[in-house]
Amino acid sequence: MDGYAFVDSNSSADVGATESTGGRVTGGYLYQAFSELQIAITPKMIRDMDDLVIMYEIRDMHVEALGGPLLGIYPMGFSDTDRSAFFHLFGQDEKHLKSLIAKFPTFNVNYNVSSDSMALLAFWIIHLAPTYIRDKRQCETFRMSVAKYLHYRWFASLVNHYFPHKANKEVMQATINSLSRRFEIVELETWQRVLEKRCEDLLSPNGIRAKTIRQMNDDREIIAMLNDTQIRVKERVQNVASVYYEFVKDPDRRVIGRAAVSEIDGEKILSQATSVFEVMSSGIAVEIQNVHSFINDVDIRRVSKMFRSISSPEMLRHLLLGVSELASSQAATGELDVIQKKNGTTYYIGMRALVGMIVQASLHYCMQNRVSFDNKGELLLRIKEGFAASRTTDKDILDVKASVAHLVDGIVHTSREATKSSLRLALVVYIILRGFNYL
C-alpha cells in the first residue's frame, strides 16, 4: 500500500482508547463527537498532506519569509483557501465542526484559539495517526506535516498582526543583529527551523503534552494544550517585534551592516564589492564539505517534489550524501578545484569548482532572461527549465550539465535514464536552494 503499513479502518481497535479505561470512551465532549466523524487516515491523505505543506512553503515569497531570520519583510499569508484545503483533505466540513464545537459546554467559542476548528481537527488527526500508521517513521513525518501546517497558519497571522505595514528591512536586520542567543531565532537562524523545533517539542513522546495528545479525552487539557502551543509561537514573534519597535523609536541604536545585494525598481542586482555569486558560491562550497550542514530533509523533499521521476526523497538524499562525501574527500587531498577539458567540453571535477560554475551559470541565465531575484520560488523553477532545455547553446550550462552527469553517474546506479536526468537537475536546483541561505 504505497510503502505504508496501515491498520484496517474496520478493525475492532478503539481509536484513542487508553489502558486506564479498558478501551471505553469515557471522557471529553470533543473525544466523543470527533470519534463519530469516523476519520480513517489513508495513504492518499498522507501524500496530500505532505504536498500541502511543501506547496505552501514554496509559494510566492514564503521561501524567503521562512528561510531567514527577518520578520515582516517578505509577504506571507494563510488564506481561506489554505484553511479549506486542510478540511477538504480529511473530508470534513468546517461549518459542521464549528456547530459541533459550539455545543460543547467545556469550550467557549468566544476564545478564538482554544475553540478554533482547524486547530482542534489538526490535534485530532495527530492523535489518530499512530492508530492507522504502523510504520513509526512515516507516522512521525505525517504528524510533523500536520503540526507544521497549523504552526504556519499561526505564524503568518502573528507576523501580519505585528507588522501590518511590513517592516523596514534595514531596521529589522539591525534588530536581529542585536539579539542575544537566548532568542531562539539567533540559535536556529531561520523561522522555518524555529517552527519545526516547536513542532518537534510538541510531538515528543516525552513532551509535556504527550499524554494529552495520546488520549485526547480531557477537554480542559486540550484547551490548555492549544493555548500553550499558540502562545509559544506568539512569544517568539512578539519578542522580536518588541525589539524592532524599540529600534524604530531610537535610530541611534541601529547598527546596519553592508548588504550583499541592493534593490532597484523592485529587482535585486549585484552590488558593492561582495556579489551575489561570491556570497552563494563561497557559502555552499564550504557547506557541501560537511554532510550535517549540507543535508536538509525539508529542502530534499521540496526539491524532490519538483521532479516526477524522483519517486522518493531518499533517492535524492542518497545522491547528496555521495556528493558531500566526495567534497570532504577532495578537501583532504586538495582536489576541490580540479578542472579537466575534453573534446571542447570543460568538466568541473572538483566540487568547489562545480558549485561555483552552477551558481554562475544559473545567475547568468536568470539575468539574461530577466528573472526577478525577489521571488526565489520562481527563480528555482526557471533555473530548472534553463538546465532542462535540450536546445540550449549556453556554453556554461552545457559544461555544467556534462559535469553533473559525470558526477551523478558515478554515485547513482540505475538504468532508468529519466531518473538519472531528474537527479542531475535536482542536484543543481538543490545547490541553488541551499545557496539562498547565504544571501
Foldseek 3Di string as FASTA:
>chain_A
DLPFFWDPLPDPQQQQDDPVVVRDQDFDLCVVVVVVVSFADDPQLLVVLLVLLLCLCQPFQNVVQFLFLFFQAGAHAQDPVSQVSQQVSRPHDLVVQLVSLVPDPLDDVVPCQLSPSLVSVLLLCLLRQVNTTVPPVSNVVSNLSSQLSVLSNLLNVLRCVLRVPGADVQLRVQLLVPDDVVQVCVVQGGNNVVSSVLSCLCCPCPHPCNVCSNNVRYSVSSSVSRVVSSVVSNVNSVVSSVSSVVCVVPVVSGDGDDDQWDDDPRFIAGDDPRGLLNLLLVVLLVQLLPLVSQDDLSLLSSLLVVAPLSSDSVLLNQLSVLSNPVQNVCVVVVNQQDWDDDPRAIARQRVSNLLSLLSVVLVVQCVVVVPGPSNVSVSLVVSLVVLPDPPDPPRSSVNSLVNLLVSLVVRDDDPDPSNSSSSSSSVSSSSVSSSVSRD
